[in-house]
Amino acid sequence: MHTASFYYTVFMDEYQSSSLIWILLINHISTQILAKKYFVSNLKFIYNI
């Protein structure tokens, strides 16, 4: 029979791994958005000259 601490450990492991995936995903998406904004502002800058 498993103890409560065993379930807590398993739950925490699952929670940490899934939150890590979310952090990476959010980081990736925000990087993409920033890159697009930077690219667009660079284009405007180039065409203004």
N, C-alpha and C. Protein backbone atom coordinates (compact mmCIF):
# COMPACT_ATOMS: atom_id res chain seq x y z
N MET A 1 0.84 -1.21 0.00
CA MET A 1 0.00 0.00 0.00
C MET A 1 0.87 1.25 0.00
N HIS A 2 0.48 2.21 -0.82
CA HIS A 2 1.28 3.44 -0.92
C HIS A 2 0.85 4.44 0.15
N THR A 3 1.83 5.16 0.65
CA THR A 3 1.53 6.17 1.65
C THR A 3 1.17 7.48 0.98
N ALA A 4 0.69 8.40 1.76
CA ALA A 4 0.32 9.71 1.23
C ALA A 4 1.55 10.45 0.70
N SER A 5 2.69 10.25 1.35
CA SER A 5 3.90 10.95 0.91
C SER A 5 4.35 10.45 -0.46
N PHE A 6 4.09 9.17 -0.73
CA PHE A 6 4.43 8.62 -2.05
C PHE A 6 3.59 9.33 -3.12
N TYR A 7 2.29 9.42 -2.89
CA TYR A 7 1.41 10.09 -3.85
C TYR A 7 1.80 11.56 -4.01
N TYR A 8 2.18 12.19 -2.90
CA TYR A 8 2.58 13.59 -2.96
C TYR A 8 3.83 13.75 -3.83
N THR A 9 4.79 12.85 -3.66
CA THR A 9 6.02 12.90 -4.45
C THR A 9 5.72 12.71 -5.93
N VAL A 10 4.90 11.73 -6.26
CA VAL A 10 4.54 11.47 -7.65
C VAL A 10 3.81 12.69 -8.23
N PHE A 11 2.89 13.23 -7.46
CA PHE A 11 2.13 14.39 -7.92
C PHE A 11 3.06 15.58 -8.18
N MET A 12 3.98 15.82 -7.26
CA MET A 12 4.91 16.94 -7.41
C MET A 12 5.81 16.74 -8.62
N ASP A 13 6.25 15.51 -8.86
CA ASP A 13 7.08 15.24 -10.03
C ASP A 13 6.31 15.54 -11.31
N GLU A 14 5.07 15.06 -11.37
CA GLU A 14 4.23 15.30 -12.55
C GLU A 14 3.97 16.79 -12.73
N TYR A 15 3.69 17.45 -11.63
CA TYR A 15 3.37 18.88 -11.67
C TYR A 15 4.57 19.68 -12.16
N GLN A 16 5.75 19.37 -11.64
CA GLN A 16 6.95 20.10 -12.02
C GLN A 16 7.30 19.87 -13.48
N SER A 17 7.19 18.64 -13.95
CA SER A 17 7.53 18.38 -15.34
C SER A 17 6.54 19.05 -16.29
N SER A 18 5.26 19.05 -15.93
CA SER A 18 4.27 19.68 -16.81
C SER A 18 4.41 21.20 -16.78
N SER A 19 4.73 21.78 -15.61
CA SER A 19 4.89 23.22 -15.54
C SER A 19 6.15 23.65 -16.30
N LEU A 20 7.17 22.79 -16.31
CA LEU A 20 8.37 23.08 -17.08
C LEU A 20 8.04 23.15 -18.57
N ILE A 21 7.20 22.22 -19.02
CA ILE A 21 6.77 22.23 -20.43
C ILE A 21 6.01 23.51 -20.74
N TRP A 22 5.11 23.93 -19.82
CA TRP A 22 4.35 25.16 -20.02
C TRP A 22 5.28 26.36 -20.09
N ILE A 23 6.28 26.39 -19.18
CA ILE A 23 7.22 27.52 -19.16
C ILE A 23 7.97 27.60 -20.49
N LEU A 24 8.43 26.44 -20.97
CA LEU A 24 9.16 26.42 -22.24
C LEU A 24 8.25 26.86 -23.39
N LEU A 25 7.00 26.40 -23.36
CA LEU A 25 6.05 26.74 -24.42
C LEU A 25 5.77 28.25 -24.44
N ILE A 26 5.49 28.79 -23.26
CA ILE A 26 5.20 30.23 -23.14
C ILE A 26 6.43 31.04 -23.55
N ASN A 27 7.60 30.57 -23.12
CA ASN A 27 8.84 31.24 -23.48
C ASN A 27 9.03 31.26 -24.99
N HIS A 28 8.75 30.14 -25.63
CA HIS A 28 8.89 30.02 -27.08
C HIS A 28 7.92 30.96 -27.80
N ILE A 29 6.68 30.97 -27.34
CA ILE A 29 5.65 31.81 -27.97
C ILE A 29 6.00 33.29 -27.82
N SER A 30 6.42 33.69 -26.61
CA SER A 30 6.76 35.10 -26.39
C SER A 30 7.99 35.50 -27.20
N THR A 31 8.91 34.57 -27.36
CA THR A 31 10.09 34.83 -28.19
C THR A 31 9.68 35.05 -29.63
N GLN A 32 8.76 34.23 -30.11
CA GLN A 32 8.26 34.37 -31.49
C GLN A 32 7.59 35.73 -31.69
N ILE A 33 6.78 36.13 -30.72
CA ILE A 33 6.06 37.41 -30.81
C ILE A 33 7.05 38.57 -30.81
N LEU A 34 8.03 38.51 -29.90
CA LEU A 34 9.04 39.56 -29.84
C LEU A 34 9.85 39.62 -31.14
N ALA A 35 10.17 38.45 -31.67
CA ALA A 35 10.95 38.40 -32.92
C ALA A 35 10.16 39.04 -34.06
N LYS A 36 8.86 38.77 -34.13
CA LYS A 36 8.02 39.35 -35.18
C LYS A 36 7.96 40.88 -35.04
N LYS A 37 7.77 41.35 -33.80
CA LYS A 37 7.71 42.80 -33.57
C LYS A 37 9.03 43.45 -33.97
N TYR A 38 10.12 42.82 -33.58
CA TYR A 38 11.45 43.35 -33.89
C TYR A 38 11.67 43.39 -35.40
N PHE A 39 11.26 42.31 -36.06
CA PHE A 39 11.41 42.20 -37.52
C PHE A 39 10.60 43.28 -38.22
N VAL A 40 9.36 43.48 -37.79
CA VAL A 40 8.48 44.48 -38.40
C VAL A 40 9.05 45.88 -38.20
N SER A 41 9.53 46.18 -36.98
CA SER A 41 10.09 47.50 -36.73
C SER A 41 11.37 47.71 -37.55
N ASN A 42 12.13 46.65 -37.75
CA ASN A 42 13.32 46.74 -38.60
C ASN A 42 12.94 47.04 -40.03
N LEU A 43 11.88 46.39 -40.53
CA LEU A 43 11.43 46.65 -41.89
C LEU A 43 11.00 48.10 -42.06
N LYS A 44 10.25 48.61 -41.09
CA LYS A 44 9.80 50.01 -41.14
C LYS A 44 11.01 50.93 -41.15
N PHE A 45 11.98 50.62 -40.32
CA PHE A 45 13.20 51.42 -40.24
C PHE A 45 13.94 51.42 -41.57
N ILE A 46 14.04 50.24 -42.19
CA ILE A 46 14.75 50.12 -43.47
C ILE A 46 14.04 50.90 -44.56
N TYR A 47 12.71 50.78 -44.61
CA TYR A 47 11.96 51.43 -45.69
C TYR A 47 11.84 52.94 -45.48
N ASN A 48 12.04 53.41 -44.25
CA ASN A 48 11.99 54.85 -44.01
C ASN A 48 13.22 55.55 -44.56
N ILE A 49 14.33 54.83 -44.66
CA ILE A 49 15.57 55.43 -45.16
C ILE A 49 15.52 55.59 -46.68
